Amino acid sequence: MVGVGGGIPNLSEGIDIRLGDIVISKPEKTWGGVIQYDKGKAETGGIFVVKGQLNQPPQVLLKALARLRAEHDRRDSKVPIYLDEAIGRNPKMRKTGYIFPTEPDCLYCSQCNQDIEDPDGDCPGTHQGREQRRDNNPVIHYGTIASGNRLVKDATERDRLRDEFDARCVEMEAAGLMNEFPCLVIRGVCDYADQYKNDSWQAYASMTRQRAWMLLA
C-alpha cells in the first residue's frame, strides 16, 4: 500500500529521514511493521496504553523485503533511475511539481521551533544538525510506521511516537487495512508531522513512493 506520510527523524540514532525519502514498513520487536498508536485505553497517571496488534505482511512480501534490503547493502537503489525514466516519458511533470522541489527542507526542533541547521539559533535543547548529502536521491528507510485516525501536526507528538515505538513515519490509513488486507506499507515523506506542514513536497514524495513500489513488483 503506497501513499505519503510524515517523516520521523531520529538524528541521535543516525536515522536521518528527509523530505522526499521513502519509508517501508518492517516488523520490529513485537510490532508487525505498522502500529495503531491511538487504539488502547488511558490508565492511571494519564498513561495511554496501546492495545491489540496488527497483522504482519505475508511471508512472500517479507522475503521480497529481505532481498531488497540485502541488495541495497551492496548497491544503490534504482529509484533515481525510475524517477528519471518517468519524467522522460512525461516531461510535463517537471512543471507540475513532480521533480525535486526548490522549497527548502527544514527540520524544526520540537523544543524551540527553530530550524536545526540555523547557525544563529540559540536552542536550549541538544538537537543536532544534519550532514550534507552527496546528492538529492531519495533514501529508503525500513521500520515501524505509526498509524492513527488523526492528523499529526505537532513535533512533540511526533517525537513521542519516535521515542515510544521507534517509529520512522506517521500516517492515517494503514491501521484500518492491515488486518483485512495484510501488506507492506510504503510512504513517501512529504513533511515532518509538525506545524510547518505544507504541500510543497507532496507531489515529489508521491513520485518517490510509487517508484519504490516498483522495486518490489
Protein backbone atom coordinates (compact mmCIF):
# COMPACT_ATOMS: atom_id res chain seq x y z
CA MET A 1 0.00 0.00 0.00
CA VAL A 2 1.58 3.23 -1.13
CA GLY A 3 0.99 6.84 -0.10
CA VAL A 4 2.62 9.78 1.67
CA GLY A 5 3.27 10.41 5.35
CA GLY A 6 5.14 12.46 7.92
CA GLY A 7 8.78 11.54 8.46
CA ILE A 8 10.13 10.99 11.98
CA PRO A 9 13.90 11.58 12.06
CA ASN A 10 15.99 10.35 14.97
CA LEU A 11 19.30 12.15 14.48
CA SER A 12 20.77 10.98 17.79
CA GLU A 13 20.47 7.41 16.46
CA GLY A 14 21.73 8.29 12.98
CA ILE A 15 18.29 7.98 11.36
CA ASP A 16 18.39 10.97 9.03
CA ILE A 17 14.97 10.88 7.37
CA ARG A 18 14.40 13.79 4.99
CA LEU A 19 11.66 15.12 2.76
CA GLY A 20 11.31 13.01 -0.37
CA ASP A 21 12.76 9.91 1.32
CA ILE A 22 10.84 6.63 1.45
CA VAL A 23 9.78 4.60 4.50
CA ILE A 24 8.84 0.92 4.11
CA SER A 25 7.14 -0.90 6.97
CA LYS A 26 9.23 -3.66 8.52
CA PRO A 27 8.34 -5.83 11.53
CA GLU A 28 10.28 -4.76 14.62
CA LYS A 29 10.17 -6.29 18.11
CA THR A 30 6.51 -7.11 18.80
CA TRP A 31 5.12 -4.87 16.06
CA GLY A 32 4.24 -6.19 12.62
CA GLY A 33 5.57 -3.17 10.77
CA VAL A 34 2.56 -0.91 11.48
CA ILE A 35 1.25 0.12 14.90
CA GLN A 36 -2.11 1.74 15.60
CA TYR A 37 -0.80 4.16 18.19
CA ASP A 38 -4.19 5.63 19.17
CA LYS A 39 -6.01 2.36 19.90
CA GLY A 40 -5.98 1.49 23.60
CA LYS A 41 -7.02 3.00 26.89
CA ALA A 42 -5.95 5.71 29.29
CA GLU A 43 -4.72 4.39 32.63
CA THR A 44 -3.86 5.97 35.98
CA GLY A 45 -1.46 8.89 35.73
CA GLY A 46 -2.54 9.87 32.24
CA ILE A 47 -0.63 7.00 30.64
CA PHE A 48 -2.10 5.74 27.36
CA VAL A 49 -1.54 2.02 26.79
CA VAL A 50 -1.78 0.70 23.24
CA LYS A 51 -3.92 -2.43 22.95
CA GLY A 52 -4.01 -5.02 20.20
CA GLN A 53 -1.61 -5.82 17.41
CA LEU A 54 -1.97 -5.59 13.64
CA ASN A 55 -1.14 -8.48 11.34
CA GLN A 56 2.26 -8.88 9.79
CA PRO A 57 2.63 -8.80 6.00
CA PRO A 58 2.51 -12.15 4.18
CA GLN A 59 5.73 -14.16 4.12
CA VAL A 60 6.12 -13.69 0.38
CA LEU A 61 6.34 -9.92 0.89
CA LEU A 62 8.69 -10.24 3.86
CA LYS A 63 11.02 -12.39 1.74
CA ALA A 64 10.90 -9.80 -1.04
CA LEU A 65 11.66 -7.08 1.51
CA ALA A 66 14.65 -9.04 2.85
CA ARG A 67 16.01 -9.45 -0.68
CA LEU A 68 15.57 -5.74 -1.35
CA ARG A 69 17.41 -4.74 1.83
CA ALA A 70 20.24 -7.16 1.04
CA GLU A 71 20.54 -5.70 -2.44
CA HIS A 72 20.70 -2.15 -1.10
CA ASP A 73 23.50 -3.18 1.26
CA ARG A 74 25.56 -3.87 -1.87
CA ARG A 75 24.48 -1.22 -4.36
CA ASP A 76 22.49 1.98 -4.69
CA SER A 77 18.71 1.95 -5.09
CA LYS A 78 17.24 2.09 -8.60
CA VAL A 79 14.62 4.62 -7.51
CA PRO A 80 16.51 7.60 -9.06
CA ILE A 81 16.65 5.72 -12.37
CA TYR A 82 12.91 5.07 -12.26
CA LEU A 83 12.28 8.74 -11.43
CA ASP A 84 14.31 9.92 -14.43
CA GLU A 85 12.52 7.44 -16.70
CA ALA A 86 9.10 8.66 -15.53
CA ILE A 87 9.99 12.31 -16.12
CA GLY A 88 11.50 11.43 -19.50
CA ARG A 89 8.24 9.81 -20.61
CA ASN A 90 6.13 12.64 -19.17
CA PRO A 91 8.08 15.94 -19.49
CA LYS A 92 5.10 18.00 -18.31
CA MET A 93 5.65 16.58 -14.83
CA ARG A 94 8.63 18.92 -14.49
CA LYS A 95 6.20 21.84 -14.43
CA THR A 96 3.66 20.27 -12.09
CA GLY A 97 5.84 19.64 -9.03
CA TYR A 98 6.99 16.06 -9.57
CA ILE A 99 10.71 16.84 -9.61
CA PHE A 100 12.91 17.56 -6.59
CA PRO A 101 11.42 20.76 -5.08
CA THR A 102 13.17 24.09 -4.74
CA GLU A 103 11.37 24.61 -1.41
CA PRO A 104 13.92 24.24 1.44
CA ASP A 105 13.91 21.06 3.51
CA CYS A 106 13.74 22.50 7.03
CA LEU A 107 13.51 20.37 10.17
CA TYR A 108 12.48 22.34 13.24
CA CYS A 109 13.39 21.47 16.82
CA SER A 110 10.38 20.34 18.85
CA GLN A 111 11.70 22.24 21.88
CA CYS A 112 12.21 25.70 20.42
CA ASN A 113 10.70 25.60 16.90
CA GLN A 114 13.97 26.74 15.34
CA ASP A 115 15.47 25.24 12.19
CA ILE A 116 18.11 22.81 13.49
CA GLU A 117 20.51 23.98 10.78
CA ASP A 118 20.20 27.68 11.63
CA PRO A 119 23.74 28.82 12.55
CA ASP A 120 22.30 31.71 14.55
CA GLY A 121 19.88 29.59 16.56
CA ASP A 122 20.07 29.53 20.36
CA CYS A 123 18.04 26.41 21.10
CA PRO A 124 18.19 25.34 24.76
CA GLY A 125 17.91 21.70 23.72
CA THR A 126 20.59 19.33 22.46
CA HIS A 127 19.46 18.93 18.87
CA GLN A 128 22.00 18.10 16.19
CA GLY A 129 22.50 19.42 12.68
CA ARG A 130 22.37 17.23 9.59
CA GLU A 131 25.28 16.25 7.41
CA GLN A 132 25.11 17.34 3.80
CA ARG A 133 24.14 14.54 1.43
CA ARG A 134 26.18 13.84 -1.68
CA ASP A 135 23.07 14.14 -3.91
CA ASN A 136 19.30 14.61 -3.81
CA ASN A 137 18.45 10.97 -4.39
CA PRO A 138 15.77 9.64 -2.01
CA VAL A 139 16.96 7.28 0.72
CA ILE A 140 14.92 4.21 1.70
CA HIS A 141 14.33 3.62 5.42
CA TYR A 142 12.85 0.48 6.98
CA GLY A 143 11.00 0.19 10.29
CA THR A 144 7.77 0.82 12.16
CA ILE A 145 5.10 3.08 10.70
CA ALA A 146 2.73 4.68 13.22
CA SER A 147 -0.86 4.87 12.01
CA GLY A 148 -3.83 6.62 13.61
CA ASN A 149 -7.15 8.30 12.96
CA ARG A 150 -5.99 11.88 13.34
CA LEU A 151 -3.59 14.13 11.50
CA VAL A 152 -0.38 14.79 13.44
CA LYS A 153 0.83 18.41 13.17
CA ASP A 154 2.77 18.56 16.42
CA ALA A 155 6.53 17.93 16.66
CA THR A 156 6.21 16.94 20.32
CA GLU A 157 3.68 14.22 19.45
CA ARG A 158 5.85 13.13 16.53
CA ASP A 159 8.85 12.76 18.81
CA ARG A 160 6.76 10.79 21.31
CA LEU A 161 5.97 8.26 18.57
CA ARG A 162 9.68 8.10 17.81
CA ASP A 163 10.67 7.50 21.44
CA GLU A 164 7.84 5.12 22.37
CA PHE A 165 7.61 2.99 19.23
CA ASP A 166 10.84 3.76 17.35
CA ALA A 167 8.56 4.88 14.51
CA ARG A 168 10.01 6.16 11.26
CA CYS A 169 6.82 7.65 9.82
CA VAL A 170 3.26 8.58 10.81
CA GLU A 171 0.17 8.34 8.60
CA MET A 172 -3.62 7.79 8.74
CA GLU A 173 -4.58 4.84 6.53
CA ALA A 174 -2.63 1.66 7.15
CA ALA A 175 -4.05 0.65 10.55
CA GLY A 176 -7.55 0.34 9.13
CA LEU A 177 -6.43 -2.09 6.44
CA MET A 178 -3.69 -4.29 7.86
CA ASN A 179 -5.95 -6.94 9.41
CA GLU A 180 -8.21 -7.11 6.34
CA PHE A 181 -5.53 -6.69 3.69
CA PRO A 182 -2.09 -7.71 5.04
CA CYS A 183 0.51 -5.80 3.08
CA LEU A 184 3.71 -3.80 3.16
CA VAL A 185 3.22 -0.07 3.60
CA ILE A 186 5.34 2.33 1.53
CA ARG A 187 5.27 6.04 2.34
CA GLY A 188 6.93 8.98 0.63
CA VAL A 189 7.93 11.59 3.21
CA CYS A 190 6.16 14.86 2.39
CA ASP A 191 6.52 16.64 5.76
CA TYR A 192 7.78 16.20 9.33
CA ALA A 193 4.34 15.93 11.00
CA ASP A 194 4.71 19.36 12.62
CA GLN A 195 3.04 22.75 12.42
CA TYR A 196 5.02 23.58 9.27
CA LYS A 197 3.19 21.01 7.13
CA ASN A 198 2.55 22.22 3.58
CA ASP A 199 2.01 20.75 0.12
CA SER A 200 5.35 21.75 -1.41
CA TRP A 201 6.85 18.25 -1.23
CA GLN A 202 3.68 16.20 -1.70
CA ALA A 203 3.88 15.61 -5.45
CA TYR A 204 7.56 14.65 -5.34
CA ALA A 205 7.01 12.36 -2.34
CA SER A 206 4.15 10.65 -4.17
CA MET A 207 6.55 10.01 -7.07
CA THR A 208 9.30 8.54 -4.91
CA ARG A 209 6.98 6.14 -3.06
CA GLN A 210 5.49 4.94 -6.36
CA ARG A 211 8.96 4.24 -7.78
CA ALA A 212 9.87 2.39 -4.57
CA TRP A 213 6.88 0.11 -5.10
CA MET A 214 8.43 -0.89 -8.45
CA LEU A 215 11.42 -2.32 -6.57
CA LEU A 216 9.12 -4.93 -5.00
CA ALA A 217 6.89 -5.56 -8.01
